[in-house]
């Protein structure tokens, strides 16, 4: 005869083997969570209409979809993968006119007495204030715009502030260049993804303006022989810089003086009769726009430099800066 202890043990084992609603629910929840994992770590894509976050989760929220960190190979609905509304530009003729090289890095101006102020990554919340400031000093700049980054929506979406800012840039004499559709590193994406990065940005700008730029700056200033050749095929001038004040490292009221010091060391000793500067900043950075830029503009006035678009600093006629659709 079984002892009472053996009998109780057998009953407990039998109970553990019988599925319950509770442990069945936990298993279903675990399976569901595993189904939501995605990305390079899991070698799994999300369903259509979903994005793959940088942490490897499928979803449709800002944290999942925003560019450039959404995993575009695994999230069909990542912002980077969404074509904007507007006319297709891929079959537009792309003659290479003028003396500025195509598909090769441009680092310096060739006109003395000028500074080409350039701003990457916008339009953004600070851009309107920046345009006001430039107008106050009668300064012209170049904006290398990103079509859909940081969860801001497409720059040609009429429900956003961006179309008005893009048009204002043109109306006030500034130059617009491309900084790609969603700020992906060009050297780390496929040829098809590269085409999307350039063509989608063209589509959005052509939708707003009726034309798109021939000047671009690679995200993170990263391009190699392969991507340079692709850019040459599309008829782009690859624009870099010879002065970087590192505003992205100093975006704090206690640090922005570091950027001012970099500017002073480079610009204050220059003679405008024999010097020029091609300068980079980023308009989403608060301290760059609200603190550093006016300091820079005052320096230009004090030292008799003119602030001009990149095309002008390179001696390129304005009609060469864009391609009509």
C-alpha atoms as a PDB file:
ATOM      1  CA  UNK A   1       0.000   0.000   0.000  1.00  0.00           C
ATOM      2  CA  UNK A   2       1.247   3.492  -0.877  1.00  0.00           C
ATOM      3  CA  UNK A   3       2.195   5.708   1.982  1.00  0.00           C
ATOM      4  CA  UNK A   4       0.288   8.932   2.381  1.00  0.00           C
ATOM      5  CA  UNK A   5       3.411  10.854   1.344  1.00  0.00           C
ATOM      6  CA  UNK A   6       3.819   8.878  -1.885  1.00  0.00           C
ATOM      7  CA  UNK A   7       0.155   9.362  -2.704  1.00  0.00           C
ATOM      8  CA  UNK A   8       0.342  13.113  -2.203  1.00  0.00           C
ATOM      9  CA  UNK A   9       3.488  13.289  -4.354  1.00  0.00           C
ATOM     10  CA  UNK A  10       1.786  11.400  -7.199  1.00  0.00           C
ATOM     11  CA  UNK A  11      -1.220  13.710  -7.066  1.00  0.00           C
ATOM     12  CA  UNK A  12       1.044  16.784  -7.171  1.00  0.00           C
ATOM     13  CA  UNK A  13       2.918  15.447 -10.208  1.00  0.00           C
ATOM     14  CA  UNK A  14      -0.327  14.725 -12.017  1.00  0.00           C
ATOM     15  CA  UNK A  15      -1.582  18.248 -11.323  1.00  0.00           C
ATOM     16  CA  UNK A  16       1.624  19.797 -12.647  1.00  0.00           C
ATOM     17  CA  UNK A  17       1.289  17.839 -15.873  1.00  0.00           C
ATOM     18  CA  UNK A  18      -2.248  19.070 -16.551  1.00  0.00           C
ATOM     19  CA  UNK A  19      -2.293  22.397 -18.473  1.00  0.00           C
ATOM     20  CA  UNK A  20      -4.111  25.197 -16.722  1.00  0.00           C
ATOM     21  CA  UNK A  21      -5.587  28.392 -18.090  1.00  0.00           C
ATOM     22  CA  UNK A  22      -2.907  30.282 -16.203  1.00  0.00           C
ATOM     23  CA  UNK A  23       0.158  28.547 -17.623  1.00  0.00           C
ATOM     24  CA  UNK A  24      -1.427  28.293 -21.068  1.00  0.00           C
ATOM     25  CA  UNK A  25      -1.887  32.069 -20.965  1.00  0.00           C
ATOM     26  CA  UNK A  26       1.724  32.607 -19.992  1.00  0.00           C
ATOM     27  CA  UNK A  27       2.904  30.415 -22.877  1.00  0.00           C
ATOM     28  CA  UNK A  28       0.708  32.299 -25.336  1.00  0.00           C
ATOM     29  CA  UNK A  29       2.006  35.624 -24.032  1.00  0.00           C
ATOM     30  CA  UNK A  30       5.614  34.438 -24.377  1.00  0.00           C
ATOM     31  CA  UNK A  31       4.980  33.283 -27.946  1.00  0.00           C
ATOM     32  CA  UNK A  32       3.356  36.616 -28.767  1.00  0.00           C
ATOM     33  CA  UNK A  33       6.312  38.516 -27.346  1.00  0.00           C
ATOM     34  CA  UNK A  34       8.736  36.368 -29.328  1.00  0.00           C
ATOM     35  CA  UNK A  35       6.697  37.005 -32.481  1.00  0.00           C
ATOM     36  CA  UNK A  36       7.200  40.742 -31.925  1.00  0.00           C
ATOM     37  CA  UNK A  37      10.989  40.469 -31.936  1.00  0.00           C
ATOM     38  CA  UNK A  38      12.751  41.538 -35.116  1.00  0.00           C
ATOM     39  CA  UNK A  39      15.950  42.813 -36.619  1.00  0.00           C
ATOM     40  CA  UNK A  40      19.432  41.666 -37.295  1.00  0.00           C
ATOM     41  CA  UNK A  41      19.799  39.987 -33.892  1.00  0.00           C
ATOM     42  CA  UNK A  42      16.751  37.781 -34.472  1.00  0.00           C
ATOM     43  CA  UNK A  43      16.961  37.578 -38.287  1.00  0.00           C
ATOM     44  CA  UNK A  44      13.239  38.272 -38.434  1.00  0.00           C
ATOM     45  CA  UNK A  45      11.161  40.928 -40.187  1.00  0.00           C
ATOM     46  CA  UNK A  46       8.012  42.575 -38.924  1.00  0.00           C
ATOM     47  CA  UNK A  47       4.672  42.172 -40.713  1.00  0.00           C
ATOM     48  CA  UNK A  48       3.606  44.682 -43.354  1.00  0.00           C
ATOM     49  CA  UNK A  49       2.604  47.981 -41.795  1.00  0.00           C
ATOM     50  CA  UNK A  50       4.983  47.621 -38.856  1.00  0.00           C
ATOM     51  CA  UNK A  51       8.418  48.965 -37.984  1.00  0.00           C
ATOM     52  CA  UNK A  52      11.414  47.331 -36.320  1.00  0.00           C
ATOM     53  CA  UNK A  53      12.891  49.415 -33.511  1.00  0.00           C
ATOM     54  CA  UNK A  54      16.600  49.716 -32.856  1.00  0.00           C
ATOM     55  CA  UNK A  55      16.057  47.408 -29.878  1.00  0.00           C
ATOM     56  CA  UNK A  56      14.497  44.716 -32.049  1.00  0.00           C
ATOM     57  CA  UNK A  57      10.752  45.102 -31.407  1.00  0.00           C
ATOM     58  CA  UNK A  58       7.968  45.285 -33.976  1.00  0.00           C
ATOM     59  CA  UNK A  59       5.465  48.099 -33.566  1.00  0.00           C
ATOM     60  CA  UNK A  60       4.007  51.267 -35.015  1.00  0.00           C
ATOM     61  CA  UNK A  61       4.927  53.923 -32.463  1.00  0.00           C
ATOM     62  CA  UNK A  62       7.507  56.719 -32.676  1.00  0.00           C
ATOM     63  CA  UNK A  63      10.145  54.587 -30.961  1.00  0.00           C
ATOM     64  CA  UNK A  64       9.702  51.832 -33.544  1.00  0.00           C
ATOM     65  CA  UNK A  65       9.456  53.822 -36.777  1.00  0.00           C
ATOM     66  CA  UNK A  66      11.568  56.953 -36.500  1.00  0.00           C
ATOM     67  CA  UNK A  67      14.518  57.407 -38.796  1.00  0.00           C
ATOM     68  CA  UNK A  68      17.353  56.833 -38.917  1.00  0.00           C
ATOM     69  CA  UNK A  69      17.339  54.205 -36.152  1.00  0.00           C
ATOM     70  CA  UNK A  70      14.425  52.027 -37.311  1.00  0.00           C
ATOM     71  CA  UNK A  71      15.928  48.848 -38.806  1.00  0.00           C
ATOM     72  CA  UNK A  72      14.984  49.379 -42.444  1.00  0.00           C
ATOM     73  CA  UNK A  73      15.837  45.830 -43.565  1.00  0.00           C
ATOM     74  CA  UNK A  74      13.348  44.357 -41.095  1.00  0.00           C
ATOM     75  CA  UNK A  75      10.609  46.993 -40.736  1.00  0.00           C
ATOM     76  CA  UNK A  76       8.526  47.530 -43.881  1.00  0.00           C
ATOM     77  CA  UNK A  77       6.884  50.633 -42.403  1.00  0.00           C
ATOM     78  CA  UNK A  78      10.060  52.310 -41.136  1.00  0.00           C
ATOM     79  CA  UNK A  79       9.951  56.015 -41.999  1.00  0.00           C
ATOM     80  CA  UNK A  80      12.925  55.496 -44.312  1.00  0.00           C
ATOM     81  CA  UNK A  81      10.920  53.045 -46.416  1.00  0.00           C
ATOM     82  CA  UNK A  82       7.852  55.248 -46.959  1.00  0.00           C
ATOM     83  CA  UNK A  83       7.759  57.036 -50.313  1.00  0.00           C
ATOM     84  CA  UNK A  84       6.517  60.624 -50.101  1.00  0.00           C
ATOM     85  CA  UNK A  85       3.698  62.025 -52.193  1.00  0.00           C
ATOM     86  CA  UNK A  86       4.856  63.748 -55.362  1.00  0.00           C
ATOM     87  CA  UNK A  87       6.117  63.274 -58.912  1.00  0.00           C
ATOM     88  CA  UNK A  88       8.670  60.544 -59.557  1.00  0.00           C
ATOM     89  CA  UNK A  89      12.078  62.010 -60.417  1.00  0.00           C
ATOM     90  CA  UNK A  90      14.151  58.956 -61.291  1.00  0.00           C
ATOM     91  CA  UNK A  91      13.819  59.481 -65.057  1.00  0.00           C
ATOM     92  CA  UNK A  92      14.568  63.223 -65.019  1.00  0.00           C
ATOM     93  CA  UNK A  93      17.473  64.223 -67.295  1.00  0.00           C
ATOM     94  CA  UNK A  94      20.595  64.980 -65.281  1.00  0.00           C
ATOM     95  CA  UNK A  95      23.087  66.897 -67.439  1.00  0.00           C
ATOM     96  CA  UNK A  96      26.312  67.791 -65.661  1.00  0.00           C
ATOM     97  CA  UNK A  97      26.750  71.508 -66.246  1.00  0.00           C
ATOM     98  CA  UNK A  98      29.126  74.055 -64.745  1.00  0.00           C
ATOM     99  CA  UNK A  99      32.598  73.745 -63.260  1.00  0.00           C
ATOM    100  CA  UNK A 100      31.813  72.253 -59.843  1.00  0.00           C
ATOM    101  CA  UNK A 101      32.705  68.528 -59.899  1.00  0.00           C
ATOM    102  CA  UNK A 102      30.029  65.850 -59.636  1.00  0.00           C
ATOM    103  CA  UNK A 103      30.456  62.805 -57.425  1.00  0.00           C
ATOM    104  CA  UNK A 104      33.583  64.240 -55.796  1.00  0.00           C
ATOM    105  CA  UNK A 105      34.016  65.901 -52.436  1.00  0.00           C
ATOM    106  CA  UNK A 106      33.966  69.703 -52.317  1.00  0.00           C
ATOM    107  CA  UNK A 107      35.586  71.043 -49.156  1.00  0.00           C
ATOM    108  CA  UNK A 108      36.388  74.713 -49.753  1.00  0.00           C
ATOM    109  CA  UNK A 109      35.003  77.822 -51.388  1.00  0.00           C
ATOM    110  CA  UNK A 110      36.881  79.368 -54.297  1.00  0.00           C
ATOM    111  CA  UNK A 111      35.658  82.941 -53.816  1.00  0.00           C
ATOM    112  CA  UNK A 112      37.449  85.185 -51.329  1.00  0.00           C
ATOM    113  CA  UNK A 113      35.646  87.317 -48.789  1.00  0.00           C
ATOM    114  CA  UNK A 114      32.753  84.902 -48.248  1.00  0.00           C
ATOM    115  CA  UNK A 115      31.654  82.357 -45.683  1.00  0.00           C
ATOM    116  CA  UNK A 116      29.199  79.638 -46.683  1.00  0.00           C
ATOM    117  CA  UNK A 117      27.128  78.877 -43.600  1.00  0.00           C
ATOM    118  CA  UNK A 118      25.486  75.466 -43.961  1.00  0.00           C
ATOM    119  CA  UNK A 119      22.933  73.785 -41.714  1.00  0.00           C
ATOM    120  CA  UNK A 120      22.172  70.050 -41.763  1.00  0.00           C
ATOM    121  CA  UNK A 121      19.320  67.816 -40.556  1.00  0.00           C
ATOM    122  CA  UNK A 122      16.375  70.243 -40.697  1.00  0.00           C
ATOM    123  CA  UNK A 123      13.809  71.495 -41.100  1.00  0.00           C
ATOM    124  CA  UNK A 124      13.129  71.308 -37.386  1.00  0.00           C
ATOM    125  CA  UNK A 125      11.565  73.266 -34.544  1.00  0.00           C
ATOM    126  CA  UNK A 126      14.498  75.707 -34.384  1.00  0.00           C
ATOM    127  CA  UNK A 127      14.541  76.464 -38.109  1.00  0.00           C
ATOM    128  CA  UNK A 128      12.014  79.300 -38.046  1.00  0.00           C
ATOM    129  CA  UNK A 129      14.044  81.172 -35.433  1.00  0.00           C
ATOM    130  CA  UNK A 130      17.192  80.534 -37.471  1.00  0.00           C
ATOM    131  CA  UNK A 131      15.592  82.027 -40.585  1.00  0.00           C
ATOM    132  CA  UNK A 132      14.529  85.079 -38.568  1.00  0.00           C
ATOM    133  CA  UNK A 133      18.100  85.506 -37.355  1.00  0.00           C
ATOM    134  CA  UNK A 134      19.611  85.182 -40.819  1.00  0.00           C
ATOM    135  CA  UNK A 135      17.127  87.740 -42.147  1.00  0.00           C
ATOM    136  CA  UNK A 136      18.057  90.150 -39.361  1.00  0.00           C
ATOM    137  CA  UNK A 137      21.697  90.063 -40.531  1.00  0.00           C
ATOM    138  CA  UNK A 138      20.875  89.838 -44.251  1.00  0.00           C
ATOM    139  CA  UNK A 139      22.844  86.590 -44.305  1.00  0.00           C
ATOM    140  CA  UNK A 140      22.287  83.795 -46.813  1.00  0.00           C
ATOM    141  CA  UNK A 141      22.901  80.146 -45.990  1.00  0.00           C
ATOM    142  CA  UNK A 142      22.509  76.643 -47.363  1.00  0.00           C
ATOM    143  CA  UNK A 143      20.156  74.136 -45.765  1.00  0.00           C
ATOM    144  CA  UNK A 144      20.925  70.466 -46.365  1.00  0.00           C
ATOM    145  CA  UNK A 145      17.492  69.108 -45.561  1.00  0.00           C
ATOM    146  CA  UNK A 146      16.387  65.637 -44.490  1.00  0.00           C
ATOM    147  CA  UNK A 147      12.988  64.545 -45.748  1.00  0.00           C
ATOM    148  CA  UNK A 148      11.800  62.383 -42.881  1.00  0.00           C
ATOM    149  CA  UNK A 149      13.924  62.068 -39.755  1.00  0.00           C
ATOM    150  CA  UNK A 150      13.416  62.082 -35.986  1.00  0.00           C
ATOM    151  CA  UNK A 151       9.727  61.231 -36.306  1.00  0.00           C
ATOM    152  CA  UNK A 152       8.810  64.607 -37.830  1.00  0.00           C
ATOM    153  CA  UNK A 153       6.781  63.207 -40.739  1.00  0.00           C
ATOM    154  CA  UNK A 154       7.485  63.867 -44.406  1.00  0.00           C
ATOM    155  CA  UNK A 155       8.797  67.375 -45.037  1.00  0.00           C
ATOM    156  CA  UNK A 156       6.181  67.876 -47.769  1.00  0.00           C
ATOM    157  CA  UNK A 157       3.279  66.794 -45.546  1.00  0.00           C
ATOM    158  CA  UNK A 158       0.896  69.798 -45.574  1.00  0.00           C
ATOM    159  CA  UNK A 159      -0.225  69.051 -42.011  1.00  0.00           C
ATOM    160  CA  UNK A 160       3.286  69.876 -40.718  1.00  0.00           C
ATOM    161  CA  UNK A 161       5.156  73.212 -40.455  1.00  0.00           C
ATOM    162  CA  UNK A 162       7.884  72.016 -42.826  1.00  0.00           C
ATOM    163  CA  UNK A 163       6.487  73.004 -46.260  1.00  0.00           C
ATOM    164  CA  UNK A 164       6.214  76.655 -45.230  1.00  0.00           C
ATOM    165  CA  UNK A 165       9.783  76.631 -43.905  1.00  0.00           C
ATOM    166  CA  UNK A 166      11.154  75.040 -47.079  1.00  0.00           C
ATOM    167  CA  UNK A 167       9.417  77.629 -49.244  1.00  0.00           C
ATOM    168  CA  UNK A 168      10.571  80.425 -46.965  1.00  0.00           C
ATOM    169  CA  UNK A 169      14.193  79.319 -47.373  1.00  0.00           C
ATOM    170  CA  UNK A 170      13.883  79.759 -51.124  1.00  0.00           C
ATOM    171  CA  UNK A 171      11.885  82.995 -50.922  1.00  0.00           C
ATOM    172  CA  UNK A 172      14.551  84.589 -48.701  1.00  0.00           C
ATOM    173  CA  UNK A 173      17.462  83.709 -50.980  1.00  0.00           C
ATOM    174  CA  UNK A 174      18.879  80.650 -49.248  1.00  0.00           C
ATOM    175  CA  UNK A 175      20.008  77.503 -51.026  1.00  0.00           C
ATOM    176  CA  UNK A 176      18.550  74.061 -50.402  1.00  0.00           C
ATOM    177  CA  UNK A 177      20.619  70.906 -50.730  1.00  0.00           C
ATOM    178  CA  UNK A 178      19.807  67.265 -50.048  1.00  0.00           C
ATOM    179  CA  UNK A 179      20.879  65.489 -46.880  1.00  0.00           C
ATOM    180  CA  UNK A 180      18.992  62.335 -47.967  1.00  0.00           C
ATOM    181  CA  UNK A 181      15.500  61.155 -47.142  1.00  0.00           C
ATOM    182  CA  UNK A 182      16.078  59.755 -43.653  1.00  0.00           C
ATOM    183  CA  UNK A 183      19.751  60.241 -42.756  1.00  0.00           C
ATOM    184  CA  UNK A 184      20.935  56.664 -43.249  1.00  0.00           C
ATOM    185  CA  UNK A 185      24.680  56.089 -43.560  1.00  0.00           C
ATOM    186  CA  UNK A 186      25.129  55.766 -47.315  1.00  0.00           C
ATOM    187  CA  UNK A 187      28.106  53.434 -47.023  1.00  0.00           C
ATOM    188  CA  UNK A 188      26.072  50.910 -45.002  1.00  0.00           C
ATOM    189  CA  UNK A 189      22.986  50.465 -47.196  1.00  0.00           C
ATOM    190  CA  UNK A 190      22.193  48.640 -50.433  1.00  0.00           C
ATOM    191  CA  UNK A 191      22.117  50.233 -53.873  1.00  0.00           C
ATOM    192  CA  UNK A 192      18.302  50.091 -53.852  1.00  0.00           C
ATOM    193  CA  UNK A 193      18.141  51.741 -50.434  1.00  0.00           C
ATOM    194  CA  UNK A 194      20.595  54.386 -51.622  1.00  0.00           C
ATOM    195  CA  UNK A 195      18.293  55.157 -54.548  1.00  0.00           C
ATOM    196  CA  UNK A 196      15.388  55.578 -52.140  1.00  0.00           C
ATOM    197  CA  UNK A 197      17.418  57.900 -49.931  1.00  0.00           C
ATOM    198  CA  UNK A 198      18.166  60.236 -52.820  1.00  0.00           C
ATOM    199  CA  UNK A 199      15.045  59.886 -54.984  1.00  0.00           C
ATOM    200  CA  UNK A 200      12.527  60.116 -52.122  1.00  0.00           C
ATOM    201  CA  UNK A 201      14.088  63.409 -51.028  1.00  0.00           C
ATOM    202  CA  UNK A 202      13.924  64.661 -54.610  1.00  0.00           C
ATOM    203  CA  UNK A 203      10.247  63.706 -54.821  1.00  0.00           C
ATOM    204  CA  UNK A 204       9.361  65.591 -51.635  1.00  0.00           C
ATOM    205  CA  UNK A 205      11.239  68.740 -52.675  1.00  0.00           C
ATOM    206  CA  UNK A 206       9.898  68.627 -56.225  1.00  0.00           C
ATOM    207  CA  UNK A 207       6.403  68.320 -54.785  1.00  0.00           C
ATOM    208  CA  UNK A 208       6.956  71.545 -52.823  1.00  0.00           C
ATOM    209  CA  UNK A 209       9.072  73.561 -55.254  1.00  0.00           C
ATOM    210  CA  UNK A 210       8.823  72.055 -58.728  1.00  0.00           C
ATOM    211  CA  UNK A 211      12.541  71.239 -58.692  1.00  0.00           C
ATOM    212  CA  UNK A 212      15.165  69.452 -56.611  1.00  0.00           C
ATOM    213  CA  UNK A 213      18.824  70.225 -55.757  1.00  0.00           C
ATOM    214  CA  UNK A 214      22.074  69.245 -57.422  1.00  0.00           C
ATOM    215  CA  UNK A 215      23.996  69.761 -54.171  1.00  0.00           C
ATOM    216  CA  UNK A 216      24.005  67.238 -51.337  1.00  0.00           C
ATOM    217  CA  UNK A 217      25.877  66.392 -48.167  1.00  0.00           C
ATOM    218  CA  UNK A 218      26.198  62.739 -47.095  1.00  0.00           C
ATOM    219  CA  UNK A 219      24.872  61.954 -43.603  1.00  0.00           C
ATOM    220  CA  UNK A 220      27.730  61.809 -41.111  1.00  0.00           C
ATOM    221  CA  UNK A 221      29.863  63.145 -44.005  1.00  0.00           C
ATOM    222  CA  UNK A 222      30.401  59.509 -45.011  1.00  0.00           C
ATOM    223  CA  UNK A 223      30.777  58.565 -48.669  1.00  0.00           C
ATOM    224  CA  UNK A 224      33.204  56.241 -50.409  1.00  0.00           C
ATOM    225  CA  UNK A 225      34.223  55.459 -53.982  1.00  0.00           C
ATOM    226  CA  UNK A 226      31.094  53.383 -54.570  1.00  0.00           C
ATOM    227  CA  UNK A 227      28.603  55.905 -53.222  1.00  0.00           C
ATOM    228  CA  UNK A 228      30.488  58.779 -54.865  1.00  0.00           C
ATOM    229  CA  UNK A 229      29.984  57.003 -58.192  1.00  0.00           C
ATOM    230  CA  UNK A 230      26.277  56.564 -57.472  1.00  0.00           C
ATOM    231  CA  UNK A 231      26.020  60.255 -56.603  1.00  0.00           C
ATOM    232  CA  UNK A 232      27.819  61.166 -59.817  1.00  0.00           C
ATOM    233  CA  UNK A 233      25.311  59.087 -61.783  1.00  0.00           C
ATOM    234  CA  UNK A 234      22.493  61.076 -60.170  1.00  0.00           C
ATOM    235  CA  UNK A 235      24.260  64.360 -60.895  1.00  0.00           C
ATOM    236  CA  UNK A 236      25.130  65.509 -57.373  1.00  0.00           C
ATOM    237  CA  UNK A 237      27.878  67.735 -56.031  1.00  0.00           C
ATOM    238  CA  UNK A 238      29.139  66.127 -52.792  1.00  0.00           C
ATOM    239  CA  UNK A 239      29.515  68.995 -50.337  1.00  0.00           C
ATOM    240  CA  UNK A 240      31.685  68.838 -47.234  1.00  0.00           C
ATOM    241  CA  UNK A 241      33.289  71.708 -45.250  1.00  0.00           C
ATOM    242  CA  UNK A 242      36.547  73.087 -43.911  1.00  0.00           C
ATOM    243  CA  UNK A 243      35.228  74.383 -40.574  1.00  0.00           C
ATOM    244  CA  UNK A 244      33.236  72.401 -38.035  1.00  0.00           C
ATOM    245  CA  UNK A 245      32.621  74.023 -34.654  1.00  0.00           C
ATOM    246  CA  UNK A 246      31.393  70.701 -33.197  1.00  0.00           C
ATOM    247  CA  UNK A 247      28.077  72.152 -32.111  1.00  0.00           C
ATOM    248  CA  UNK A 248      26.689  68.627 -31.682  1.00  0.00           C
ATOM    249  CA  UNK A 249      29.248  68.026 -28.920  1.00  0.00           C
ATOM    250  CA  UNK A 250      28.478  71.333 -27.216  1.00  0.00           C
ATOM    251  CA  UNK A 251      24.678  71.547 -27.224  1.00  0.00           C
ATOM    252  CA  UNK A 252      24.500  72.866 -23.686  1.00  0.00           C
ATOM    253  CA  UNK A 253      24.631  76.394 -22.317  1.00  0.00           C
ATOM    254  CA  UNK A 254      27.734  75.482 -20.320  1.00  0.00           C
ATOM    255  CA  UNK A 255      29.554  74.016 -23.337  1.00  0.00           C
ATOM    256  CA  UNK A 256      28.656  76.137 -26.364  1.00  0.00           C
ATOM    257  CA  UNK A 257      31.572  78.493 -25.675  1.00  0.00           C
ATOM    258  CA  UNK A 258      33.786  75.649 -26.922  1.00  0.00           C
ATOM    259  CA  UNK A 259      32.219  76.034 -30.361  1.00  0.00           C
ATOM    260  CA  UNK A 260      32.654  79.803 -30.245  1.00  0.00           C
ATOM    261  CA  UNK A 261      36.320  79.311 -29.426  1.00  0.00           C
ATOM    262  CA  UNK A 262      36.764  76.987 -32.415  1.00  0.00           C
ATOM    263  CA  UNK A 263      35.163  79.637 -34.630  1.00  0.00           C
ATOM    264  CA  UNK A 264      37.360  82.403 -33.252  1.00  0.00           C
ATOM    265  CA  UNK A 265      40.594  80.465 -33.681  1.00  0.00           C
ATOM    266  CA  UNK A 266      39.801  79.815 -37.319  1.00  0.00           C
ATOM    267  CA  UNK A 267      37.983  82.935 -38.530  1.00  0.00           C
ATOM    268  CA  UNK A 268      39.165  85.912 -36.499  1.00  0.00           C
ATOM    269  CA  UNK A 269      42.739  85.897 -37.943  1.00  0.00           C
ATOM    270  CA  UNK A 270      41.527  85.701 -41.568  1.00  0.00           C
ATOM    271  CA  UNK A 271      41.755  88.494 -44.123  1.00  0.00           C
ATOM    272  CA  UNK A 272      38.629  88.503 -46.335  1.00  0.00           C
ATOM    273  CA  UNK A 273      40.743  89.720 -49.251  1.00  0.00           C
ATOM    274  CA  UNK A 274      42.447  86.340 -49.385  1.00  0.00           C
ATOM    275  CA  UNK A 275      40.291  83.871 -47.459  1.00  0.00           C
ATOM    276  CA  UNK A 276      36.955  82.071 -47.402  1.00  0.00           C
ATOM    277  CA  UNK A 277      35.262  79.436 -45.232  1.00  0.00           C
ATOM    278  CA  UNK A 278      32.833  76.564 -45.848  1.00  0.00           C
ATOM    279  CA  UNK A 279      31.188  75.953 -42.498  1.00  0.00           C
ATOM    280  CA  UNK A 280      28.865  73.242 -41.094  1.00  0.00           C
ATOM    281  CA  UNK A 281      26.234  73.436 -38.349  1.00  0.00           C
ATOM    282  CA  UNK A 282      22.961  71.612 -37.543  1.00  0.00           C
ATOM    283  CA  UNK A 283      19.685  73.470 -37.101  1.00  0.00           C
ATOM    284  CA  UNK A 284      18.000  70.905 -34.789  1.00  0.00           C
ATOM    285  CA  UNK A 285      20.595  71.808 -32.119  1.00  0.00           C
ATOM    286  CA  UNK A 286      19.153  74.395 -29.755  1.00  0.00           C
ATOM    287  CA  UNK A 287      22.399  76.024 -28.610  1.00  0.00           C
ATOM    288  CA  UNK A 288      23.726  76.189 -32.170  1.00  0.00           C
ATOM    289  CA  UNK A 289      20.680  78.122 -33.336  1.00  0.00           C
ATOM    290  CA  UNK A 290      19.830  80.199 -30.271  1.00  0.00           C
ATOM    291  CA  UNK A 291      23.336  81.009 -29.091  1.00  0.00           C
ATOM    292  CA  UNK A 292      26.173  80.210 -31.500  1.00  0.00           C
ATOM    293  CA  UNK A 293      24.699  81.450 -34.781  1.00  0.00           C
ATOM    294  CA  UNK A 294      24.288  85.085 -33.778  1.00  0.00           C
ATOM    295  CA  UNK A 295      27.831  85.035 -32.408  1.00  0.00           C
ATOM    296  CA  UNK A 296      28.992  83.783 -35.825  1.00  0.00           C
ATOM    297  CA  UNK A 297      26.959  86.389 -37.709  1.00  0.00           C
ATOM    298  CA  UNK A 298      28.364  89.199 -35.578  1.00  0.00           C
ATOM    299  CA  UNK A 299      31.864  87.914 -36.300  1.00  0.00           C
ATOM    300  CA  UNK A 300      31.185  87.987 -40.044  1.00  0.00           C
ATOM    301  CA  UNK A 301      30.012  91.590 -39.875  1.00  0.00           C
ATOM    302  CA  UNK A 302      32.976  92.606 -37.737  1.00  0.00           C
ATOM    303  CA  UNK A 303      35.461  90.973 -40.112  1.00  0.00           C
ATOM    304  CA  UNK A 304      33.848  92.123 -43.389  1.00  0.00           C
ATOM    305  CA  UNK A 305      32.872  88.661 -44.617  1.00  0.00           C
ATOM    306  CA  UNK A 306      29.677  88.033 -46.587  1.00  0.00           C
ATOM    307  CA  UNK A 307      27.498  85.037 -45.759  1.00  0.00           C
ATOM    308  CA  UNK A 308      26.506  83.348 -49.032  1.00  0.00           C
ATOM    309  CA  UNK A 309      25.047  80.042 -50.263  1.00  0.00           C
ATOM    310  CA  UNK A 310      27.451  77.236 -51.148  1.00  0.00           C
ATOM    311  CA  UNK A 311      26.753  77.575 -54.857  1.00  0.00           C
ATOM    312  CA  UNK A 312      27.768  81.221 -54.769  1.00  0.00           C
ATOM    313  CA  UNK A 313      30.937  80.532 -52.790  1.00  0.00           C
ATOM    314  CA  UNK A 314      31.895  78.047 -55.525  1.00  0.00           C
ATOM    315  CA  UNK A 315      31.151  80.485 -58.336  1.00  0.00           C
ATOM    316  CA  UNK A 316      28.339  78.275 -59.639  1.00  0.00           C
ATOM    317  CA  UNK A 317      25.444  80.121 -61.340  1.00  0.00           C
ATOM    318  CA  UNK A 318      22.148  79.830 -59.474  1.00  0.00           C
ATOM    319  CA  UNK A 319      20.462  78.082 -62.412  1.00  0.00           C
ATOM    320  CA  UNK A 320      22.812  75.128 -61.858  1.00  0.00           C
ATOM    321  CA  UNK A 321      21.726  74.547 -58.267  1.00  0.00           C
ATOM    322  CA  UNK A 322      18.495  72.704 -59.096  1.00  0.00           C
ATOM    323  CA  UNK A 323      16.850  70.427 -61.653  1.00  0.00           C
ATOM    324  CA  UNK A 324      13.309  71.215 -62.770  1.00  0.00           C
ATOM    325  CA  UNK A 325      10.653  68.517 -62.856  1.00  0.00           C
END
